[in-house]
Amino acid sequence: MLLEEVFRSGVSEGITLSADGAVQTAELSVVGNNRKRLYFVANGRDQEVLNKFELGKTDTLAFRDGLTDALTGHIACPLLMTADMGLSVKDSIAAHPDDLTWASNIGITLKRRMARFDIVNTGVDSQFFIEWIQLVNSRKQNYLFEDAAYVNPYFADADIWDPERIDFLSLDNANNGETLASFYAYAAPKEEEGGKGTKDFSIVLGGKSGSTGEGTAVLYPVLMRTDQEKAETKLEVKANNRYVINIKSVGSNMITATIDVQDWIEADTVKVESGYGIFGLSMPGTDPKGTMTENKLALTDAAATTDIVVNVAADTEWKVETDCEWIDLTGAPTDGKVGKNLTFATTKANPPATKLV
């Protein structure tokens, strides 16, 4: 089957979603009398991987083998949700020969492509004050659709990744009971017997002994097991599942913790780790021109005699710095605001080419 049509919500000439409680409904007109496979994607507007799907070229195998965008930070993508299903237009029409405008109601449950982890720790009870979390052998990406075969690069060594530490103390209710959505992770298989084929995903918790962090620095590995001391209780990290790590106590070199797998039914939002973030820059194609390399603006010869406006696409706050005495910056965001554009204005008639960067 080849991709023959794309429907989008929230854009001109797209589909309209109508809400009935927690259920969203859309009306699609599917023509022809052949079999169809429908693919549904939510929260995927900024997923660059979807750009490779082309009308009349992309087939069902490409969808099955499609991967989500690779992570570059603790979480740098939305909580992508997908589903797919088959439909026989001919059989559906044949079942209703007297109704040429027959409409088939199809129920679709979109599933998140990530797993959610909650951590339950009460420092007074466990005598452990968590300060940071480190993910070990996590996956950079996952398949777009659940029924994809588990083949490379899902298991490839290049796809195994240890991201930066997560600041646990910045999360709501840290060390005071249940900390919801402590972090998200892509699906990861459990290691095969003998350590072949994959590497186990695990978590390292770092902090201080004692209920308020007054003790010595300690760290404890948490394995993906319902019981930390029993290898036969290994767990696979599955998309759309919620894993609750319940810390009971810690010893000299062992943590007593249980991991419960629960339904993830709440429509929560992404908690983004604080940091520098990612933003995009673009410039006009007409004179005066410049080039962007690694967020550095380089002006062409003699282009600095007039102002240059750089458009900035950002979801978080940012700031601009320059040590050039001949450039004046306007349009930088004020504290607490998100900037959208920035004007580089020269203060001299025509600086020499040696100063154009």
Protein backbone atom coordinates (compact mmCIF):
# COMPACT_ATOMS: atom_id res chain seq x y z
CA MET A 1 0.00 0.00 0.00
CA LEU A 2 1.18 3.51 -0.81
CA LEU A 3 0.49 6.72 1.08
CA GLU A 4 -2.25 8.48 -0.90
CA GLU A 5 -3.63 11.21 1.38
CA VAL A 6 -2.75 13.12 4.55
CA PHE A 7 -5.30 14.73 6.86
CA ARG A 8 -4.20 17.32 9.43
CA SER A 9 -6.11 19.00 12.21
CA GLY A 10 -5.89 22.67 13.07
CA VAL A 11 -4.70 23.85 9.63
CA SER A 12 -6.49 25.31 6.60
CA GLU A 13 -8.58 22.74 4.69
CA GLY A 14 -7.74 20.16 7.36
CA ILE A 15 -9.95 18.05 9.58
CA THR A 16 -11.87 19.46 12.52
CA LEU A 17 -11.75 17.73 15.88
CA SER A 18 -14.89 17.90 17.99
CA ALA A 19 -14.72 17.04 21.68
CA ASP A 20 -17.19 14.98 23.67
CA GLY A 21 -15.69 14.77 27.13
CA ALA A 22 -12.28 13.12 26.79
CA VAL A 23 -13.11 11.76 23.30
CA GLN A 24 -12.07 13.63 20.15
CA THR A 25 -13.96 12.94 16.94
CA ALA A 26 -12.98 13.72 13.34
CA GLU A 27 -14.80 13.09 10.06
CA LEU A 28 -12.77 11.72 7.13
CA SER A 29 -13.91 10.97 3.60
CA VAL A 30 -12.21 7.81 2.33
CA VAL A 31 -12.80 7.06 -1.36
CA GLY A 32 -12.19 3.98 -3.51
CA ASN A 33 -13.21 0.37 -2.96
CA ASN A 34 -9.89 -1.16 -1.98
CA ARG A 35 -8.34 -1.95 1.37
CA LYS A 36 -6.84 0.90 3.37
CA ARG A 37 -4.53 1.16 6.34
CA LEU A 38 -5.03 4.27 8.43
CA TYR A 39 -2.20 5.70 10.53
CA PHE A 40 -2.97 8.13 13.33
CA VAL A 41 -0.37 10.43 14.92
CA ALA A 42 -0.93 12.97 17.70
CA ASN A 43 1.54 15.54 19.07
CA GLY A 44 3.71 14.96 16.02
CA ARG A 45 3.68 18.38 14.38
CA ASP A 46 7.37 18.98 15.12
CA GLN A 47 8.55 15.41 14.52
CA GLU A 48 10.98 15.71 11.62
CA VAL A 49 10.83 11.96 10.99
CA LEU A 50 7.31 12.41 9.61
CA ASN A 51 8.66 14.66 6.83
CA LYS A 52 10.17 11.67 5.02
CA PHE A 53 6.73 10.19 4.27
CA GLU A 54 5.76 11.17 0.69
CA LEU A 55 2.48 10.87 -1.21
CA GLY A 56 2.57 8.08 -3.78
CA LYS A 57 6.00 6.87 -2.60
CA THR A 58 5.90 5.84 1.05
CA ASP A 59 4.51 2.34 1.61
CA THR A 60 3.23 0.47 4.65
CA LEU A 61 6.64 -1.10 5.32
CA ALA A 62 8.13 2.36 5.72
CA PHE A 63 5.51 3.17 8.34
CA ARG A 64 6.16 -0.07 10.21
CA ASP A 65 9.91 0.57 10.28
CA GLY A 66 9.61 4.30 10.99
CA LEU A 67 11.36 5.56 14.11
CA THR A 68 10.60 8.50 16.34
CA ASP A 69 12.98 11.46 16.42
CA ALA A 70 16.10 10.68 18.44
CA LEU A 71 16.35 12.36 21.83
CA THR A 72 19.11 14.90 22.38
CA GLY A 73 18.31 15.82 25.99
CA HIS A 74 16.46 14.36 28.94
CA ILE A 75 13.33 14.78 26.86
CA ALA A 76 13.39 16.87 23.71
CA CYS A 77 10.22 15.74 22.02
CA PRO A 78 6.48 15.82 22.74
CA LEU A 79 4.67 12.79 24.11
CA LEU A 80 4.06 11.40 20.65
CA MET A 81 0.97 9.17 20.41
CA THR A 82 0.18 6.80 17.52
CA ALA A 83 -2.15 4.03 16.36
CA ASP A 84 -2.93 2.24 13.08
CA MET A 85 -5.66 -0.03 11.74
CA GLY A 86 -6.87 -1.68 8.55
CA LEU A 87 -10.15 -0.93 6.76
CA SER A 88 -11.89 -2.55 3.77
CA VAL A 89 -13.95 0.14 2.05
CA LYS A 90 -15.51 -2.40 -0.34
CA ASP A 91 -16.67 -4.70 2.47
CA SER A 92 -18.02 -1.78 4.48
CA ILE A 93 -20.09 -0.49 1.56
CA ALA A 94 -21.31 -3.99 0.69
CA ALA A 95 -22.63 -4.35 4.22
CA HIS A 96 -24.81 -1.24 3.69
CA PRO A 97 -25.91 -1.37 -0.02
CA ASP A 98 -28.87 0.95 0.46
CA ASP A 99 -26.99 3.72 2.21
CA LEU A 100 -24.61 5.48 -0.19
CA THR A 101 -23.65 7.99 2.48
CA TRP A 102 -23.05 5.36 5.15
CA ALA A 103 -20.56 6.47 7.78
CA SER A 104 -18.49 4.02 9.77
CA ASN A 105 -17.61 4.97 13.33
CA ILE A 106 -14.14 3.73 14.20
CA GLY A 107 -12.78 3.82 17.72
CA ILE A 108 -9.06 4.54 17.96
CA THR A 109 -7.00 4.56 21.14
CA LEU A 110 -3.77 6.50 20.66
CA LYS A 111 -0.85 5.09 22.62
CA ARG A 112 2.14 7.09 23.80
CA ARG A 113 5.50 6.06 22.37
CA MET A 114 7.26 6.72 25.68
CA ALA A 115 7.11 5.17 29.15
CA ARG A 116 6.57 7.30 32.23
CA PHE A 117 8.41 6.83 35.54
CA ASP A 118 7.15 8.02 38.92
CA ILE A 119 9.33 7.81 42.04
CA VAL A 120 7.96 7.33 45.54
CA ASN A 121 10.43 8.27 48.25
CA THR A 122 9.81 9.67 51.73
CA GLY A 123 13.18 10.63 53.14
CA VAL A 124 12.08 10.23 56.75
CA ASP A 125 11.17 6.59 56.12
CA SER A 126 13.89 5.52 53.65
CA GLN A 127 16.71 7.62 55.16
CA PHE A 128 17.74 8.49 51.62
CA PHE A 129 17.61 12.02 50.16
CA ILE A 130 17.64 11.80 46.34
CA GLU A 131 19.40 14.67 44.53
CA TRP A 132 19.74 13.37 40.98
CA ILE A 133 18.76 10.57 38.59
CA GLN A 134 20.95 9.03 35.89
CA LEU A 135 19.50 6.81 33.15
CA VAL A 136 21.77 3.97 31.99
CA ASN A 137 21.45 2.12 28.67
CA SER A 138 18.36 4.05 27.65
CA ARG A 139 17.22 4.17 24.01
CA LYS A 140 17.46 7.29 21.87
CA GLN A 141 14.36 6.46 19.85
CA ASN A 142 11.48 4.05 19.44
CA TYR A 143 9.28 2.76 16.64
CA LEU A 144 6.44 5.03 15.57
CA PHE A 145 3.92 2.20 15.67
CA GLU A 146 3.60 -0.60 18.17
CA ASP A 147 3.40 -3.49 15.71
CA ALA A 148 6.84 -2.86 14.19
CA ALA A 149 9.23 -5.83 14.38
CA TYR A 150 12.00 -5.38 16.95
CA VAL A 151 15.02 -5.22 14.67
CA ASN A 152 18.01 -2.90 14.26
CA PRO A 153 18.53 -0.04 14.91
CA TYR A 154 16.25 -0.51 17.93
CA PHE A 155 18.78 -2.89 19.51
CA ALA A 156 21.88 -1.38 17.90
CA ASP A 157 24.72 -0.35 20.20
CA ALA A 158 24.70 3.09 18.57
CA ASP A 159 21.13 3.57 19.77
CA ILE A 160 22.00 2.95 23.45
CA TRP A 161 22.53 6.22 25.24
CA ASP A 162 23.24 7.61 28.71
CA PRO A 163 21.70 11.11 28.86
CA GLU A 164 22.60 13.85 31.30
CA ARG A 165 21.60 13.62 34.95
CA ILE A 166 18.14 14.72 35.96
CA ASP A 167 17.88 17.24 38.81
CA PHE A 168 15.46 15.42 41.09
CA LEU A 169 15.31 18.28 43.61
CA SER A 170 13.74 20.54 40.95
CA LEU A 171 10.72 18.23 40.67
CA ASP A 172 7.50 18.75 42.60
CA ASN A 173 7.23 16.84 45.90
CA ALA A 174 10.79 15.45 45.71
CA ASN A 175 11.63 13.18 48.68
CA ASN A 176 8.24 13.87 50.20
CA GLY A 177 6.16 11.00 48.86
CA GLU A 178 5.13 10.45 45.24
CA THR A 179 6.95 12.47 42.56
CA LEU A 180 4.88 12.14 39.39
CA ALA A 181 6.46 12.04 35.92
CA SER A 182 9.99 12.09 37.33
CA PHE A 183 11.25 11.26 33.85
CA TYR A 184 10.22 9.68 30.56
CA ALA A 185 12.05 7.01 28.54
CA TYR A 186 11.63 5.19 25.26
CA ALA A 187 10.80 1.49 25.30
CA ALA A 188 13.71 -0.86 26.06
CA PRO A 189 13.84 -4.66 26.05
CA LYS A 190 15.18 -6.73 28.90
CA GLU A 191 18.57 -8.37 28.45
CA GLU A 192 18.58 -11.88 27.03
CA GLU A 193 19.97 -14.77 29.03
CA GLY A 194 23.75 -14.66 29.02
CA GLY A 195 23.83 -10.94 28.30
CA LYS A 196 23.37 -11.33 24.54
CA GLY A 197 21.55 -9.07 22.15
CA THR A 198 20.68 -6.12 24.37
CA LYS A 199 21.79 -4.15 27.39
CA ASP A 200 19.51 -3.74 30.36
CA PHE A 201 18.01 -0.32 30.96
CA SER A 202 18.56 0.77 34.58
CA ILE A 203 18.53 3.84 36.79
CA VAL A 204 21.06 5.27 39.22
CA LEU A 205 19.79 7.38 42.13
CA GLY A 206 22.31 9.72 43.73
CA GLY A 207 22.05 11.81 46.85
CA LYS A 208 22.83 11.84 50.56
CA SER A 209 22.09 9.49 53.42
CA GLY A 210 19.64 10.71 56.01
CA SER A 211 16.16 12.15 55.71
CA THR A 212 17.17 15.69 54.70
CA GLY A 213 20.51 15.21 52.96
CA GLU A 214 22.65 15.80 56.02
CA GLY A 215 24.64 12.57 55.61
CA THR A 216 27.34 11.34 53.25
CA ALA A 217 27.11 11.15 49.46
CA VAL A 218 25.69 7.84 48.21
CA LEU A 219 24.36 6.36 44.99
CA TYR A 220 22.29 3.26 44.32
CA PRO A 221 21.51 1.42 41.08
CA VAL A 222 17.86 0.51 40.53
CA LEU A 223 17.38 -2.41 38.15
CA MET A 224 14.27 -2.98 36.07
CA ARG A 225 12.96 -5.67 38.40
CA THR A 226 9.82 -5.88 40.48
CA ASP A 227 12.11 -7.18 43.24
CA GLN A 228 15.67 -5.83 43.18
CA GLU A 229 17.17 -9.03 44.60
CA LYS A 230 15.46 -11.46 42.19
CA ALA A 231 16.81 -11.67 38.63
CA GLU A 232 13.76 -13.63 37.49
CA THR A 233 11.57 -10.55 38.06
CA LYS A 234 13.13 -8.59 35.17
CA LEU A 235 10.89 -6.08 33.42
CA GLU A 236 10.78 -4.78 29.88
CA VAL A 237 10.23 -1.05 29.47
CA LYS A 238 7.13 -0.73 27.30
CA ALA A 239 5.69 2.35 25.66
CA ASN A 240 2.50 3.77 27.16
CA ASN A 241 3.16 2.12 30.54
CA ARG A 242 3.70 3.87 33.85
CA TYR A 243 6.43 2.52 36.15
CA VAL A 244 6.25 3.43 39.83
CA ILE A 245 9.54 3.02 41.71
CA ASN A 246 8.74 2.71 45.39
CA ILE A 247 11.81 3.11 47.62
CA LYS A 248 11.48 1.43 51.00
CA SER A 249 14.95 1.81 52.54
CA VAL A 250 18.67 1.80 51.78
CA GLY A 251 21.59 -0.08 53.31
CA SER A 252 25.36 0.09 53.01
CA ASN A 253 25.33 -1.10 49.39
CA MET A 254 21.76 -2.15 48.63
CA ILE A 255 18.52 -0.36 47.98
CA THR A 256 15.19 -1.95 48.84
CA ALA A 257 12.73 -0.89 46.18
CA THR A 258 9.82 -2.28 44.23
CA ILE A 259 8.68 -1.37 40.73
CA ASP A 260 4.98 -1.51 39.95
CA VAL A 261 3.61 -1.26 36.41
CA GLN A 262 0.36 0.69 36.24
CA ASP A 263 -1.97 2.05 33.57
CA TRP A 264 -0.97 5.43 32.20
CA ILE A 265 -4.34 7.02 31.62
CA GLU A 266 -3.84 10.62 32.66
CA ALA A 267 -3.32 13.14 29.87
CA ASP A 268 -0.36 14.89 31.43
CA THR A 269 2.00 17.40 29.86
CA VAL A 270 5.72 17.10 29.28
CA LYS A 271 7.99 18.31 32.05
CA VAL A 272 11.04 19.77 30.35
CA GLU A 273 14.37 19.83 32.15
CA SER A 274 15.66 23.37 32.63
CA GLY A 275 18.69 24.26 30.53
CA TYR A 276 19.73 26.13 27.43
CA GLY A 277 17.17 24.37 25.25
CA ILE A 278 17.01 24.42 21.46
CA PHE A 279 15.93 27.23 19.18
CA GLY A 280 15.96 27.89 15.44
CA LEU A 281 17.33 30.88 13.55
CA SER A 282 16.46 32.07 10.04
CA MET A 283 17.50 35.02 7.87
CA PRO A 284 16.05 36.73 4.80
CA GLY A 285 17.16 35.41 1.43
CA THR A 286 17.66 38.91 0.03
CA ASP A 287 20.41 41.45 0.76
CA PRO A 288 21.71 42.13 3.30
CA LYS A 289 22.60 38.48 3.78
CA GLY A 290 24.46 36.44 6.30
CA THR A 291 25.06 32.81 7.16
CA MET A 292 24.31 30.85 10.32
CA THR A 293 26.70 28.21 11.60
CA GLU A 294 26.22 26.75 15.09
CA ASN A 295 24.12 29.77 16.08
CA LYS A 296 26.84 32.21 14.96
CA LEU A 297 25.93 34.95 12.49
CA ALA A 298 28.50 35.72 9.79
CA LEU A 299 27.80 38.74 7.54
CA THR A 300 28.79 38.91 3.90
CA ASP A 301 31.13 41.66 2.69
CA ALA A 302 29.67 45.17 2.96
CA ALA A 303 26.42 43.79 4.31
CA ALA A 304 26.84 45.45 7.68
CA THR A 305 25.82 48.90 6.46
CA THR A 306 22.12 48.18 7.06
CA ASP A 307 20.15 46.35 9.69
CA ILE A 308 19.68 42.59 9.56
CA VAL A 309 16.65 40.96 11.18
CA VAL A 310 17.00 37.38 12.43
CA ASN A 311 13.83 35.45 13.18
CA VAL A 312 13.96 33.25 16.24
CA ALA A 313 11.72 30.24 16.89
CA ALA A 314 11.87 29.40 20.59
CA ASP A 315 9.65 27.83 23.20
CA THR A 316 11.67 28.99 26.20
CA GLU A 317 13.48 32.12 27.30
CA TRP A 318 16.80 32.96 25.67
CA LYS A 319 19.31 35.78 25.61
CA VAL A 320 21.76 37.21 23.09
CA GLU A 321 25.35 38.12 23.84
CA THR A 322 27.88 40.02 21.73
CA ASP A 323 31.24 41.61 22.40
CA CYS A 324 31.32 43.55 19.12
CA GLU A 325 31.43 47.28 19.76
CA TRP A 326 30.03 48.07 16.32
CA ILE A 327 26.83 46.02 16.65
CA ASP A 328 23.75 47.23 18.51
CA LEU A 329 21.07 44.66 19.42
CA THR A 330 17.37 45.46 19.59
CA GLY A 331 14.42 43.16 20.04
CA ALA A 332 16.01 40.98 22.75
CA PRO A 333 13.36 39.60 25.12
CA THR A 334 12.83 41.12 28.53
CA ASP A 335 12.99 38.97 31.64
CA GLY A 336 10.20 36.42 31.75
CA LYS A 337 9.35 36.76 28.06
CA VAL A 338 10.08 34.65 24.98
CA GLY A 339 11.71 36.57 22.14
CA LYS A 340 10.63 36.13 18.54
CA ASN A 341 13.02 38.29 16.53
CA LEU A 342 16.23 40.25 16.92
CA THR A 343 17.65 43.15 14.94
CA PHE A 344 21.40 43.55 14.41
CA ALA A 345 22.07 47.26 13.78
CA THR A 346 25.51 48.52 12.90
CA THR A 347 26.90 51.60 14.61
CA LYS A 348 29.58 52.27 12.00
CA ALA A 349 29.35 52.98 8.27
CA ASN A 350 31.11 49.88 6.98
CA PRO A 351 33.30 47.79 9.28
CA PRO A 352 36.11 45.94 7.50
CA ALA A 353 35.69 42.31 6.50
CA THR A 354 37.98 41.21 9.32
CA LYS A 355 35.26 42.17 11.81
CA LEU A 356 32.28 40.65 10.10
CA VAL A 357 31.91 37.66 12.47
